[in-house]
PDB file of N, CA and C in Angstrom:
ATOM      1  N   UNK A   1      20.614   4.959  -1.731  1.00  0.00           N
ATOM      2  CA  UNK A   1      19.327   5.532  -1.040  1.00  0.00           C
ATOM      3  C   UNK A   1      18.531   5.675  -2.255  1.00  0.00           C
ATOM      4  N   UNK A   2      18.938   5.432  -3.394  1.00  0.00           N
ATOM      5  CA  UNK A   2      17.729   5.076  -4.560  1.00  0.00           C
ATOM      6  C   UNK A   2      16.953   3.859  -4.045  1.00  0.00           C
ATOM      7  N   UNK A   3      17.649   2.618  -4.110  1.00  0.00           N
ATOM      8  CA  UNK A   3      17.188   1.244  -3.929  1.00  0.00           C
ATOM      9  C   UNK A   3      16.211   1.557  -2.853  1.00  0.00           C
ATOM     10  N   UNK A   4      17.213   2.197  -1.476  1.00  0.00           N
ATOM     11  CA  UNK A   4      15.799   2.092  -0.597  1.00  0.00           C
ATOM     12  C   UNK A   4      14.555   2.638  -0.896  1.00  0.00           C
ATOM     13  N   UNK A   5      14.654   3.960  -1.725  1.00  0.00           N
ATOM     14  CA  UNK A   5      13.372   4.623  -1.599  1.00  0.00           C
ATOM     15  C   UNK A   5      12.329   3.717  -2.725  1.00  0.00           C
ATOM     16  N   UNK A   6      13.121   3.420  -3.235  1.00  0.00           N
ATOM     17  CA  UNK A   6      12.323   2.412  -4.713  1.00  0.00           C
ATOM     18  C   UNK A   6      11.636   1.253  -4.081  1.00  0.00           C
ATOM     19  N   UNK A   7      12.317   0.761  -3.059  1.00  0.00           N
ATOM     20  CA  UNK A   7      11.891  -0.432  -2.408  1.00  0.00           C
ATOM     21  C   UNK A   7      10.528   0.001  -1.348  1.00  0.00           C
ATOM     22  N   UNK A   8      11.065   0.991  -0.634  1.00  0.00           N
ATOM     23  CA  UNK A   8       9.824   1.737   0.450  1.00  0.00           C
ATOM     24  C   UNK A   8       8.460   2.082  -0.470  1.00  0.00           C
ATOM     25  N   UNK A   9       8.750   2.340  -1.810  1.00  0.00           N
ATOM     26  CA  UNK A   9       7.568   2.855  -2.603  1.00  0.00           C
ATOM     27  C   UNK A   9       6.706   1.621  -3.266  1.00  0.00           C
ATOM     28  N   UNK A  10       7.198   0.602  -3.305  1.00  0.00           N
ATOM     29  CA  UNK A  10       6.749  -0.781  -4.095  1.00  0.00           C
ATOM     30  C   UNK A  10       5.946  -1.388  -2.944  1.00  0.00           C
ATOM     31  N   UNK A  11       6.697  -1.121  -1.449  1.00  0.00           N
ATOM     32  CA  UNK A  11       5.799  -2.084  -0.518  1.00  0.00           C
ATOM     33  C   UNK A  11       4.759  -1.022  -0.008  1.00  0.00           C
ATOM     34  N   UNK A  12       4.822   0.022  -0.181  1.00  0.00           N
ATOM     35  CA  UNK A  12       4.140   0.959   0.788  1.00  0.00           C
ATOM     36  C   UNK A  12       2.477   0.457  -0.044  1.00  0.00           C
ATOM     37  N   UNK A  13       2.983   0.750  -1.813  1.00  0.00           N
ATOM     38  CA  UNK A  13       1.860   0.744  -2.662  1.00  0.00           C
ATOM     39  C   UNK A  13       1.219  -0.616  -2.863  1.00  0.00           C
ATOM     40  N   UNK A  14       1.841  -1.760  -2.522  1.00  0.00           N
ATOM     41  CA  UNK A  14       1.585  -3.252  -2.324  1.00  0.00           C
ATOM     42  C   UNK A  14       0.699  -3.573  -0.817  1.00  0.00           C
ATOM     43  N   UNK A  15       1.135  -2.518   0.125  1.00  0.00           N
ATOM     44  CA  UNK A  15       0.418  -2.727   1.101  1.00  0.00           C
ATOM     45  C   UNK A  15      -0.615  -2.211   1.286  1.00  0.00           C
ATOM     46  N   UNK A  16      -0.955  -1.056   0.835  1.00  0.00           N
ATOM     47  CA  UNK A  16      -2.198  -0.299   0.591  1.00  0.00           C
ATOM     48  C   UNK A  16      -3.006  -1.307  -0.041  1.00  0.00           C
ATOM     49  N   UNK A  17      -2.696  -1.689  -1.382  1.00  0.00           N
ATOM     50  CA  UNK A  17      -3.234  -2.621  -2.096  1.00  0.00           C
ATOM     51  C   UNK A  17      -4.094  -3.784  -1.343  1.00  0.00           C
ATOM     52  N   UNK A  18      -3.178  -4.552  -0.663  1.00  0.00           N
ATOM     53  CA  UNK A  18      -3.425  -5.875   0.024  1.00  0.00           C
ATOM     54  C   UNK A  18      -4.590  -5.329   0.900  1.00  0.00           C
ATOM     55  N   UNK A  19      -4.051  -4.225   1.793  1.00  0.00           N
ATOM     56  CA  UNK A  19      -4.785  -4.200   2.871  1.00  0.00           C
ATOM     57  C   UNK A  19      -6.448  -3.255   2.601  1.00  0.00           C
ATOM     58  N   UNK A  20      -6.623  -2.766   1.238  1.00  0.00           N
ATOM     59  CA  UNK A  20      -7.710  -2.159   1.207  1.00  0.00           C
ATOM     60  C   UNK A  20      -8.030  -3.024  -0.271  1.00  0.00           C
ATOM     61  N   UNK A  21      -8.211  -4.216  -0.708  1.00  0.00           N
ATOM     62  CA  UNK A  21      -8.268  -4.890  -2.072  1.00  0.00           C
ATOM     63  C   UNK A  21      -9.675  -4.401  -2.684  1.00  0.00           C
ATOM     64  N   UNK A  22     -10.609  -3.600  -2.317  1.00  0.00           N
ATOM     65  CA  UNK A  22     -11.951  -3.516  -3.245  1.00  0.00           C
ATOM     66  C   UNK A  22     -11.646  -2.510  -3.869  1.00  0.00           C
ATOM     67  N   UNK A  23     -10.914  -2.171  -4.686  1.00  0.00           N
ATOM     68  CA  UNK A  23     -10.856  -1.385  -5.689  1.00  0.00           C
ATOM     69  C   UNK A  23     -11.550  -1.028  -6.800  1.00  0.00           C
ATOM     70  N   UNK A  24     -12.012  -1.835  -7.230  1.00  0.00           N
ATOM     71  CA  UNK A  24     -12.362  -1.796  -9.012  1.00  0.00           C
ATOM     72  C   UNK A  24     -11.419  -1.750 -10.071  1.00  0.00           C
ATOM     73  N   UNK A  25     -12.316  -1.681 -11.411  1.00  0.00           N
ATOM     74  CA  UNK A  25     -11.152  -1.845 -12.226  1.00  0.00           C
ATOM     75  C   UNK A  25     -10.132  -0.891 -12.047  1.00  0.00           C
ATOM     76  N   UNK A  26     -10.219   0.505 -11.529  1.00  0.00           N
ATOM     77  CA  UNK A  26      -9.128   1.335 -11.641  1.00  0.00           C
ATOM     78  C   UNK A  26      -8.039   1.081 -10.629  1.00  0.00           C
ATOM     79  N   UNK A  27      -8.207  -0.118  -9.627  1.00  0.00           N
ATOM     80  CA  UNK A  27      -7.119  -0.287  -8.740  1.00  0.00           C
ATOM     81  C   UNK A  27      -5.471  -0.451  -9.315  1.00  0.00           C
ATOM     82  N   UNK A  28      -5.435  -1.102  -9.736  1.00  0.00           N
ATOM     83  CA  UNK A  28      -4.326  -1.834 -10.557  1.00  0.00           C
ATOM     84  C   UNK A  28      -3.773  -0.837 -11.287  1.00  0.00           C
ATOM     85  N   UNK A  29      -4.190  -0.088 -12.189  1.00  0.00           N
ATOM     86  CA  UNK A  29      -3.783   1.023 -13.136  1.00  0.00           C
ATOM     87  C   UNK A  29      -3.048   2.104 -12.062  1.00  0.00           C
ATOM     88  N   UNK A  30      -3.893   2.561 -10.902  1.00  0.00           N
ATOM     89  CA  UNK A  30      -3.557   3.582 -10.197  1.00  0.00           C
ATOM     90  C   UNK A  30      -2.057   3.338  -9.370  1.00  0.00           C
ATOM     91  N   UNK A  31      -2.406   1.901  -8.994  1.00  0.00           N
ATOM     92  CA  UNK A  31      -0.880   1.562  -8.100  1.00  0.00           C
ATOM     93  C   UNK A  31       0.112   1.500  -9.265  1.00  0.00           C
ATOM     94  N   UNK A  32       0.142   1.031 -10.331  1.00  0.00           N
ATOM     95  CA  UNK A  32       1.188   1.006 -11.230  1.00  0.00           C
ATOM     96  C   UNK A  32       1.643   2.710 -11.599  1.00  0.00           C
ATOM     97  N   UNK A  33       0.606   3.312 -11.886  1.00  0.00           N
ATOM     98  CA  UNK A  33       1.160   4.724 -12.409  1.00  0.00           C
ATOM     99  C   UNK A  33       1.562   5.428 -11.076  1.00  0.00           C
ATOM    100  N   UNK A  34       1.215   5.398 -10.078  1.00  0.00           N
ATOM    101  CA  UNK A  34       1.344   6.123  -8.943  1.00  0.00           C
ATOM    102  C   UNK A  34       2.662   5.573  -8.177  1.00  0.00           C
ATOM    103  N   UNK A  35       3.049   4.129  -8.488  1.00  0.00           N
ATOM    104  CA  UNK A  35       4.407   3.634  -8.082  1.00  0.00           C
ATOM    105  C   UNK A  35       5.543   4.300  -9.123  1.00  0.00           C
ATOM    106  N   UNK A  36       5.079   4.355 -10.547  1.00  0.00           N
ATOM    107  CA  UNK A  36       6.097   5.070 -11.215  1.00  0.00           C
ATOM    108  C   UNK A  36       6.652   6.445 -11.092  1.00  0.00           C
ATOM    109  N   UNK A  37       5.489   7.226 -10.717  1.00  0.00           N
ATOM    110  CA  UNK A  37       5.556   8.260 -10.473  1.00  0.00           C
ATOM    111  C   UNK A  37       6.317   8.780  -9.263  1.00  0.00           C
ATOM    112  N   UNK A  38       6.067   7.841  -8.233  1.00  0.00           N
ATOM    113  CA  UNK A  38       6.611   8.056  -7.083  1.00  0.00           C
ATOM    114  C   UNK A  38       8.212   7.321  -7.139  1.00  0.00           C
ATOM    115  N   UNK A  39       8.669   6.762  -7.710  1.00  0.00           N
ATOM    116  CA  UNK A  39       9.833   6.172  -8.033  1.00  0.00           C
ATOM    117  C   UNK A  39      10.489   6.908  -8.789  1.00  0.00           C
ATOM    118  N   UNK A  40      10.238   7.591  -9.653  1.00  0.00           N
ATOM    119  CA  UNK A  40      10.851   8.786 -10.685  1.00  0.00           C
ATOM    120  C   UNK A  40      11.104   9.779  -9.726  1.00  0.00           C
ATOM    121  N   UNK A  41      10.256  10.302  -9.191  1.00  0.00           N
ATOM    122  CA  UNK A  41      10.810  11.410  -7.606  1.00  0.00           C
ATOM    123  C   UNK A  41      11.501  10.888  -6.491  1.00  0.00           C
ATOM    124  N   UNK A  42      11.737   9.518  -6.396  1.00  0.00           N
ATOM    125  CA  UNK A  42      12.631   8.835  -5.463  1.00  0.00           C
ATOM    126  C   UNK A  42      13.981   9.172  -6.437  1.00  0.00           C
ATOM    127  N   UNK A  43      14.053   8.706  -7.571  1.00  0.00           N
ATOM    128  CA  UNK A  43      15.128   8.798  -8.308  1.00  0.00           C
ATOM    129  C   UNK A  43      15.838  10.642  -8.234  1.00  0.00           C
ATOM    130  N   UNK A  44      14.879  11.261  -8.518  1.00  0.00           N
ATOM    131  CA  UNK A  44      15.615  12.544  -8.771  1.00  0.00           C
ATOM    132  C   UNK A  44      16.033  13.382  -7.699  1.00  0.00           C
ATOM    133  N   UNK A  45      14.952  12.896  -6.097  1.00  0.00           N
ATOM    134  CA  UNK A  45      15.010  13.166  -4.990  1.00  0.00           C
ATOM    135  C   UNK A  45      16.446  12.760  -4.481  1.00  0.00           C
ATOM    136  N   UNK A  46      16.925  11.307  -4.431  1.00  0.00           N
ATOM    137  CA  UNK A  46      18.268  11.004  -4.287  1.00  0.00           C
ATOM    138  C   UNK A  46      19.263  11.487  -4.849  1.00  0.00           C
ATOM    139  N   UNK A  47      19.320  11.556  -6.678  1.00  0.00           N
ATOM    140  CA  UNK A  47      20.501  12.478  -7.153  1.00  0.00           C
ATOM    141  C   UNK A  47      20.433  13.488  -6.606  1.00  0.00           C
ATOM    142  N   UNK A  48      19.868  14.271  -6.141  1.00  0.00           N
ATOM    143  CA  UNK A  48      19.465  15.945  -5.527  1.00  0.00           C
ATOM    144  C   UNK A  48      20.212  15.879  -4.272  1.00  0.00           C
ATOM    145  N   UNK A  49      20.219  14.886  -3.182  1.00  0.00           N
ATOM    146  CA  UNK A  49      20.767  15.041  -2.049  1.00  0.00           C
ATOM    147  C   UNK A  49      21.545  14.191  -1.914  1.00  0.00           C
ATOM    148  N   UNK A  50      22.762  13.616  -3.022  1.00  0.00           N
ATOM    149  CA  UNK A  50      23.468  12.531  -2.565  1.00  0.00           C
ATOM    150  C   UNK A  50      24.467  13.744  -1.534  1.00  0.00           C
ATOM    151  N   UNK A  51      24.711  14.785  -1.564  1.00  0.00           N
ATOM    152  CA  UNK A  51      25.706  15.350  -1.070  1.00  0.00           C
ATOM    153  C   UNK A  51      25.265  15.793   0.466  1.00  0.00           C
ATOM    154  N   UNK A  52      24.043  15.648   0.977  1.00  0.00           N
ATOM    155  CA  UNK A  52      23.629  15.818   2.073  1.00  0.00           C
ATOM    156  C   UNK A  52      24.080  14.976   3.195  1.00  0.00           C
ATOM    157  N   UNK A  53      24.229  15.557   4.264  1.00  0.00           N
ATOM    158  CA  UNK A  53      24.606  14.869   5.467  1.00  0.00           C
ATOM    159  C   UNK A  53      23.439  13.613   5.598  1.00  0.00           C
ATOM    160  N   UNK A  54      24.130  12.772   6.306  1.00  0.00           N
ATOM    161  CA  UNK A  54      23.180  11.025   6.712  1.00  0.00           C
ATOM    162  C   UNK A  54      22.112  11.599   7.547  1.00  0.00           C
ATOM    163  N   UNK A  55      22.234  12.331   8.491  1.00  0.00           N
ATOM    164  CA  UNK A  55      20.765  12.857   9.093  1.00  0.00           C
ATOM    165  C   UNK A  55      19.735  13.536   8.151  1.00  0.00           C
ATOM    166  N   UNK A  56      20.161  14.282   7.816  1.00  0.00           N
ATOM    167  CA  UNK A  56      19.203  15.145   6.894  1.00  0.00           C
ATOM    168  C   UNK A  56      18.918  14.136   5.716  1.00  0.00           C
ATOM    169  N   UNK A  57      19.422  13.287   5.171  1.00  0.00           N
ATOM    170  CA  UNK A  57      18.785  12.234   4.051  1.00  0.00           C
ATOM    171  C   UNK A  57      17.830  11.509   4.659  1.00  0.00           C
ATOM    172  N   UNK A  58      18.059  10.991   5.972  1.00  0.00           N
ATOM    173  CA  UNK A  58      17.428  10.250   6.803  1.00  0.00           C
ATOM    174  C   UNK A  58      15.608  11.147   7.115  1.00  0.00           C
ATOM    175  N   UNK A  59      16.016  12.443   7.712  1.00  0.00           N
ATOM    176  CA  UNK A  59      14.825  12.908   7.584  1.00  0.00           C
ATOM    177  C   UNK A  59      13.929  13.214   6.420  1.00  0.00           C
ATOM    178  N   UNK A  60      14.649  13.134   5.447  1.00  0.00           N
ATOM    179  CA  UNK A  60      13.791  13.371   4.042  1.00  0.00           C
ATOM    180  C   UNK A  60      13.501  11.738   3.847  1.00  0.00           C
ATOM    181  N   UNK A  61      13.975  11.232   3.908  1.00  0.00           N
ATOM    182  CA  UNK A  61      13.466   9.693   3.634  1.00  0.00           C
ATOM    183  C   UNK A  61      12.298   9.630   4.637  1.00  0.00           C
ATOM    184  N   UNK A  62      12.346   9.892   5.822  1.00  0.00           N
ATOM    185  CA  UNK A  62      11.088   9.785   6.623  1.00  0.00           C
ATOM    186  C   UNK A  62      10.006  10.551   5.867  1.00  0.00           C
ATOM    187  N   UNK A  63      10.011  11.749   5.405  1.00  0.00           N
ATOM    188  CA  UNK A  63       8.828  12.625   5.092  1.00  0.00           C
ATOM    189  C   UNK A  63       8.541  11.931   3.634  1.00  0.00           C
ATOM    190  N   UNK A  64       9.412  11.484   2.813  1.00  0.00           N
ATOM    191  CA  UNK A  64       9.036  11.096   1.779  1.00  0.00           C
ATOM    192  C   UNK A  64       8.108   9.664   2.007  1.00  0.00           C
ATOM    193  N   UNK A  65       8.560   8.942   2.978  1.00  0.00           N
ATOM    194  CA  UNK A  65       7.708   7.699   3.187  1.00  0.00           C
ATOM    195  C   UNK A  65       6.112   8.213   3.874  1.00  0.00           C
ATOM    196  N   UNK A  66       6.271   9.093   4.660  1.00  0.00           N
ATOM    197  CA  UNK A  66       4.706   9.597   4.871  1.00  0.00           C
ATOM    198  C   UNK A  66       4.268  10.072   3.484  1.00  0.00           C
ATOM    199  N   UNK A  67       4.571  10.952   3.023  1.00  0.00           N
ATOM    200  CA  UNK A  67       4.071  11.429   1.607  1.00  0.00           C
ATOM    201  C   UNK A  67       3.297  10.666   0.736  1.00  0.00           C
ATOM    202  N   UNK A  68       4.341   9.313   0.458  1.00  0.00           N
ATOM    203  CA  UNK A  68       4.052   8.354  -0.359  1.00  0.00           C
ATOM    204  C   UNK A  68       2.840   7.400   0.456  1.00  0.00           C
ATOM    205  N   UNK A  69       2.895   7.086   1.650  1.00  0.00           N
ATOM    206  CA  UNK A  69       1.670   6.325   2.068  1.00  0.00           C
ATOM    207  C   UNK A  69       0.619   7.469   2.063  1.00  0.00           C
ATOM    208  N   UNK A  70       0.800   8.310   2.559  1.00  0.00           N
ATOM    209  CA  UNK A  70      -0.816   9.205   2.275  1.00  0.00           C
ATOM    210  C   UNK A  70      -1.186   9.722   1.135  1.00  0.00           C
ATOM    211  N   UNK A  71      -0.407   9.763   0.071  1.00  0.00           N
ATOM    212  CA  UNK A  71      -0.743   9.492  -1.462  1.00  0.00           C
ATOM    213  C   UNK A  71      -1.608   8.117  -1.885  1.00  0.00           C
ATOM    214  N   UNK A  72      -0.881   7.253  -1.514  1.00  0.00           N
ATOM    215  CA  UNK A  72      -1.417   5.650  -1.812  1.00  0.00           C
ATOM    216  C   UNK A  72      -2.662   5.439  -1.389  1.00  0.00           C
ATOM    217  N   UNK A  73      -2.703   5.740   0.179  1.00  0.00           N
ATOM    218  CA  UNK A  73      -4.125   5.569   1.059  1.00  0.00           C
ATOM    219  C   UNK A  73      -5.185   6.745   0.320  1.00  0.00           C
ATOM    220  N   UNK A  74      -4.977   7.903   0.052  1.00  0.00           N
ATOM    221  CA  UNK A  74      -5.771   8.808   0.194  1.00  0.00           C
ATOM    222  C   UNK A  74      -6.516   8.577  -1.599  1.00  0.00           C
ATOM    223  N   UNK A  75      -5.739   8.570  -2.410  1.00  0.00           N
ATOM    224  CA  UNK A  75      -5.944   8.012  -4.248  1.00  0.00           C
ATOM    225  C   UNK A  75      -6.457   6.661  -4.498  1.00  0.00           C
ATOM    226  N   UNK A  76      -6.172   5.911  -3.605  1.00  0.00           N
ATOM    227  CA  UNK A  76      -6.662   4.523  -3.948  1.00  0.00           C
ATOM    228  C   UNK A  76      -7.933   4.361  -4.185  1.00  0.00           C
ATOM    229  N   UNK A  77      -8.544   4.375  -5.528  1.00  0.00           N
ATOM    230  CA  UNK A  77      -9.981   3.901  -5.675  1.00  0.00           C
ATOM    231  C   UNK A  77     -10.642   3.040  -5.249  1.00  0.00           C
ATOM    232  N   UNK A  78     -12.154   3.113  -4.388  1.00  0.00           N
ATOM    233  CA  UNK A  78     -12.295   1.767  -3.655  1.00  0.00           C
ATOM    234  C   UNK A  78     -13.775   1.583  -4.328  1.00  0.00           C
ATOM    235  N   UNK A  79     -14.280   0.581  -4.416  1.00  0.00           N
ATOM    236  CA  UNK A  79     -15.859   0.555  -4.702  1.00  0.00           C
ATOM    237  C   UNK A  79     -16.830   1.464  -4.367  1.00  0.00           C
ATOM    238  N   UNK A  80     -16.584   1.657  -3.030  1.00  0.00           N
ATOM    239  CA  UNK A  80     -17.577   2.382  -2.383  1.00  0.00           C
ATOM    240  C   UNK A  80     -17.514   3.904  -2.337  1.00  0.00           C
ATOM    241  N   UNK A  81     -16.379   4.387  -3.297  1.00  0.00           N
ATOM    242  CA  UNK A  81     -16.511   5.756  -3.002  1.00  0.00           C
ATOM    243  C   UNK A  81     -15.503   6.532  -2.409  1.00  0.00           C
ATOM    244  N   UNK A  82     -15.414   5.696  -0.914  1.00  0.00           N
ATOM    245  CA  UNK A  82     -14.554   6.464   0.147  1.00  0.00           C
ATOM    246  C   UNK A  82     -13.104   6.182   0.102  1.00  0.00           C
ATOM    247  N   UNK A  83     -12.364   6.831   0.128  1.00  0.00           N
ATOM    248  CA  UNK A  83     -11.025   6.872   0.309  1.00  0.00           C
ATOM    249  C   UNK A  83     -10.209   5.587   1.367  1.00  0.00           C
ATOM    250  N   UNK A  84      -9.278   4.776   1.071  1.00  0.00           N
ATOM    251  CA  UNK A  84      -8.736   3.874   2.006  1.00  0.00           C
ATOM    252  C   UNK A  84      -8.399   4.561   3.267  1.00  0.00           C
ATOM    253  N   UNK A  85      -7.951   5.713   2.810  1.00  0.00           N
ATOM    254  CA  UNK A  85      -7.468   6.556   4.107  1.00  0.00           C
ATOM    255  C   UNK A  85      -8.415   7.301   5.163  1.00  0.00           C
ATOM    256  N   UNK A  86      -9.804   7.785   4.647  1.00  0.00           N
ATOM    257  CA  UNK A  86     -10.996   7.839   5.576  1.00  0.00           C
ATOM    258  C   UNK A  86     -11.787   6.380   6.042  1.00  0.00           C
ATOM    259  N   UNK A  87     -11.449   5.179   5.246  1.00  0.00           N
ATOM    260  CA  UNK A  87     -11.985   3.881   6.185  1.00  0.00           C
ATOM    261  C   UNK A  87     -11.115   4.246   7.196  1.00  0.00           C
ATOM    262  N   UNK A  88      -9.591   4.191   7.103  1.00  0.00           N
ATOM    263  CA  UNK A  88      -8.424   3.941   7.663  1.00  0.00           C
ATOM    264  C   UNK A  88      -8.849   4.925   9.205  1.00  0.00           C
ATOM    265  N   UNK A  89      -9.050   5.989   9.002  1.00  0.00           N
ATOM    266  CA  UNK A  89      -9.384   7.156  10.028  1.00  0.00           C
ATOM    267  C   UNK A  89     -10.576   7.023  10.530  1.00  0.00           C
ATOM    268  N   UNK A  90     -11.669   6.321  10.041  1.00  0.00           N
ATOM    269  CA  UNK A  90     -13.088   5.923  10.529  1.00  0.00           C
ATOM    270  C   UNK A  90     -12.956   4.323  11.460  1.00  0.00           C
ATOM    271  N   UNK A  91     -11.975   4.014  11.339  1.00  0.00           N
ATOM    272  CA  UNK A  91     -11.754   3.075  12.135  1.00  0.00           C
ATOM    273  C   UNK A  91     -12.032   1.493  11.637  1.00  0.00           C
ATOM    274  N   UNK A  92     -12.317   1.811  10.090  1.00  0.00           N
ATOM    275  CA  UNK A  92     -12.403   0.608   9.241  1.00  0.00           C
ATOM    276  C   UNK A  92     -11.201  -0.245   8.787  1.00  0.00           C
ATOM    277  N   UNK A  93     -10.713  -0.873   9.670  1.00  0.00           N
ATOM    278  CA  UNK A  93      -9.253  -1.575   9.752  1.00  0.00           C
ATOM    279  C   UNK A  93      -9.372  -2.702   8.849  1.00  0.00           C
ATOM    280  N   UNK A  94      -8.463  -3.136   7.976  1.00  0.00           N
ATOM    281  CA  UNK A  94      -8.678  -4.435   7.215  1.00  0.00           C
ATOM    282  C   UNK A  94      -8.633  -5.869   8.208  1.00  0.00           C
ATOM    283  N   UNK A  95      -9.274  -6.379   8.068  1.00  0.00           N
ATOM    284  CA  UNK A  95      -9.363  -7.980   8.864  1.00  0.00           C
ATOM    285  C   UNK A  95      -8.961  -8.898   8.201  1.00  0.00           C
ATOM    286  N   UNK A  96      -8.746 -10.149   8.848  1.00  0.00           N
ATOM    287  CA  UNK A  96      -7.984 -11.219   8.169  1.00  0.00           C
ATOM    288  C   UNK A  96      -8.630 -11.762   6.864  1.00  0.00           C
ATOM    289  N   UNK A  97     -10.157 -11.838   6.347  1.00  0.00           N
ATOM    290  CA  UNK A  97     -10.754 -12.085   5.487  1.00  0.00           C
ATOM    291  C   UNK A  97     -10.434 -11.021   4.337  1.00  0.00           C
ATOM    292  N   UNK A  98     -10.212  -9.680   4.438  1.00  0.00           N
ATOM    293  CA  UNK A  98      -9.628  -8.700   3.972  1.00  0.00           C
ATOM    294  C   UNK A  98      -8.248  -8.996   3.176  1.00  0.00           C
ATOM    295  N   UNK A  99      -7.586  -9.100   4.105  1.00  0.00           N
ATOM    296  CA  UNK A  99      -6.006  -9.498   3.991  1.00  0.00           C
ATOM    297  C   UNK A  99      -5.940 -10.508   2.786  1.00  0.00           C
ATOM    298  N   UNK A 100      -6.676 -11.647   3.270  1.00  0.00           N
ATOM    299  CA  UNK A 100      -6.756 -12.831   2.337  1.00  0.00           C
ATOM    300  C   UNK A 100      -7.009 -12.517   1.042  1.00  0.00           C
ATOM    301  N   UNK A 101      -8.032 -11.792   1.006  1.00  0.00           N
ATOM    302  CA  UNK A 101      -8.737 -11.264  -0.630  1.00  0.00           C
ATOM    303  C   UNK A 101      -7.407 -10.033  -1.090  1.00  0.00           C
ATOM    304  N   UNK A 102      -6.667  -9.485  -0.527  1.00  0.00           N
ATOM    305  CA  UNK A 102      -5.729  -9.017  -0.927  1.00  0.00           C
ATOM    306  C   UNK A 102      -4.716  -9.213  -1.455  1.00  0.00           C
ATOM    307  N   UNK A 103      -4.216 -10.477  -0.405  1.00  0.00           N
ATOM    308  CA  UNK A 103      -3.096 -11.583  -1.044  1.00  0.00           C
ATOM    309  C   UNK A 103      -3.414 -12.331  -2.386  1.00  0.00           C
ATOM    310  N   UNK A 104      -4.641 -12.542  -2.160  1.00  0.00           N
ATOM    311  CA  UNK A 104      -4.864 -13.340  -3.218  1.00  0.00           C
ATOM    312  C   UNK A 104      -4.866 -12.574  -4.463  1.00  0.00           C
ATOM    313  N   UNK A 105      -5.446 -11.462  -4.594  1.00  0.00           N
ATOM    314  CA  UNK A 105      -5.488 -10.602  -5.967  1.00  0.00           C
ATOM    315  C   UNK A 105      -3.817 -10.360  -6.487  1.00  0.00           C
ATOM    316  N   UNK A 106      -2.863 -10.479  -5.661  1.00  0.00           N
ATOM    317  CA  UNK A 106      -1.673 -10.190  -5.963  1.00  0.00           C
ATOM    318  C   UNK A 106      -0.850 -11.725  -6.088  1.00  0.00           C
ATOM    319  N   UNK A 107      -1.447 -12.593  -5.770  1.00  0.00           N
ATOM    320  CA  UNK A 107      -1.162 -14.111  -6.269  1.00  0.00           C
ATOM    321  C   UNK A 107      -0.622 -14.791  -4.991  1.00  0.00           C
ATOM    322  N   UNK A 108      -1.053 -14.346  -3.789  1.00  0.00           N
ATOM    323  CA  UNK A 108      -0.288 -14.916  -2.616  1.00  0.00           C
ATOM    324  C   UNK A 108      -1.615 -15.826  -2.049  1.00  0.00           C
ATOM    325  N   UNK A 109      -1.535 -16.918  -2.163  1.00  0.00           N
ATOM    326  CA  UNK A 109      -2.782 -17.732  -1.145  1.00  0.00           C
ATOM    327  C   UNK A 109      -2.394 -18.045   0.314  1.00  0.00           C
ATOM    328  N   UNK A 110      -3.018 -17.436   0.899  1.00  0.00           N
ATOM    329  CA  UNK A 110      -2.900 -17.731   2.433  1.00  0.00           C
ATOM    330  C   UNK A 110      -3.917 -18.338   2.889  1.00  0.00           C
ATOM    331  N   UNK A 111      -4.483 -19.495   3.309  1.00  0.00           N
ATOM    332  CA  UNK A 111      -5.486 -19.988   3.522  1.00  0.00           C
ATOM    333  C   UNK A 111      -5.583 -19.886   4.972  1.00  0.00           C
ATOM    334  N   UNK A 112      -4.677 -19.782   5.865  1.00  0.00           N
ATOM    335  CA  UNK A 112      -4.667 -19.497   7.567  1.00  0.00           C
ATOM    336  C   UNK A 112      -5.161 -18.333   7.970  1.00  0.00           C
ATOM    337  N   UNK A 113      -5.432 -17.191   6.719  1.00  0.00           N
ATOM    338  CA  UNK A 113      -6.117 -16.015   7.252  1.00  0.00           C
ATOM    339  C   UNK A 113      -7.728 -15.914   7.316  1.00  0.00           C
ATOM    340  N   UNK A 114      -8.148 -17.095   6.436  1.00  0.00           N
ATOM    341  CA  UNK A 114      -9.581 -17.312   6.590  1.00  0.00           C
ATOM    342  C   UNK A 114      -9.940 -17.709   8.071  1.00  0.00           C
ATOM    343  N   UNK A 115     -11.245 -17.291   8.503  1.00  0.00           N
ATOM    344  CA  UNK A 115     -11.959 -17.534   9.622  1.00  0.00           C
ATOM    345  C   UNK A 115     -11.893 -19.085   9.592  1.00  0.00           C
ATOM    346  N   UNK A 116     -12.378 -19.688  10.436  1.00  0.00           N
ATOM    347  CA  UNK A 116     -12.658 -21.487  10.642  1.00  0.00           C
ATOM    348  C   UNK A 116     -13.776 -21.466   9.854  1.00  0.00           C
ATOM    349  N   UNK A 117     -13.997 -22.482   9.263  1.00  0.00           N
ATOM    350  CA  UNK A 117     -15.238 -22.879   9.072  1.00  0.00           C
ATOM    351  C   UNK A 117     -16.205 -23.316   9.900  1.00  0.00           C
ATOM    352  N   UNK A 118     -17.646 -23.164   9.976  1.00  0.00           N
ATOM    353  CA  UNK A 118     -18.461 -23.118  10.880  1.00  0.00           C
ATOM    354  C   UNK A 118     -18.680 -24.715  10.958  1.00  0.00           C
ATOM    355  N   UNK A 119     -18.811 -25.465  12.197  1.00  0.00           N
ATOM    356  CA  UNK A 119     -19.333 -26.868  12.315  1.00  0.00           C
ATOM    357  C   UNK A 119     -20.378 -27.130  11.604  1.00  0.00           C
ATOM    358  N   UNK A 120     -20.215 -28.302  11.120  1.00  0.00           N
ATOM    359  CA  UNK A 120     -21.453 -28.908  10.105  1.00  0.00           C
ATOM    360  C   UNK A 120     -22.465 -29.413  10.944  1.00  0.00           C
ATOM    361  N   UNK A 121     -23.980 -29.317  10.766  1.00  0.00           N
ATOM    362  CA  UNK A 121     -24.855 -29.953  11.448  1.00  0.00           C
ATOM    363  C   UNK A 121     -25.089 -30.965  11.243  1.00  0.00           C
ATOM    364  N   UNK A 122     -25.108 -31.717  12.025  1.00  0.00           N
ATOM    365  CA  UNK A 122     -25.579 -33.322  11.868  1.00  0.00           C
ATOM    366  C   UNK A 122     -26.838 -33.232  10.933  1.00  0.00           C
ATOM    367  N   UNK A 123     -26.862 -34.707  10.123  1.00  0.00           N
ATOM    368  CA  UNK A 123     -28.045 -34.927   9.557  1.00  0.00           C
ATOM    369  C   UNK A 123     -29.153 -35.566  10.248  1.00  0.00           C
TER     370      UNK A 123
END
């Protein structure tokens, strides 16, 4: 269960960073510090609930995932000052270009996400 919670934590934080990449200089330190805090919490949580029944641990895992996602999206700094969760709730979903920038920020080049280039004008 520990490795599952750690993997979920890392994936959620990276997904938040990719979906809303305009974080400014505080984005990467936030992702690292928040991930470490949530991973530490996951280790203590898994050790404390190792004797629980499987259904109870599954319910706790769902609550953990929701709280981790809420935390990552609420506190992820953005250049414009609004939270990523606020943008999501206002209908400002990431588009293909934003996802391209987010993936490029973590070292993945996916040019298929870019919109097609406009046709060239004849001379």
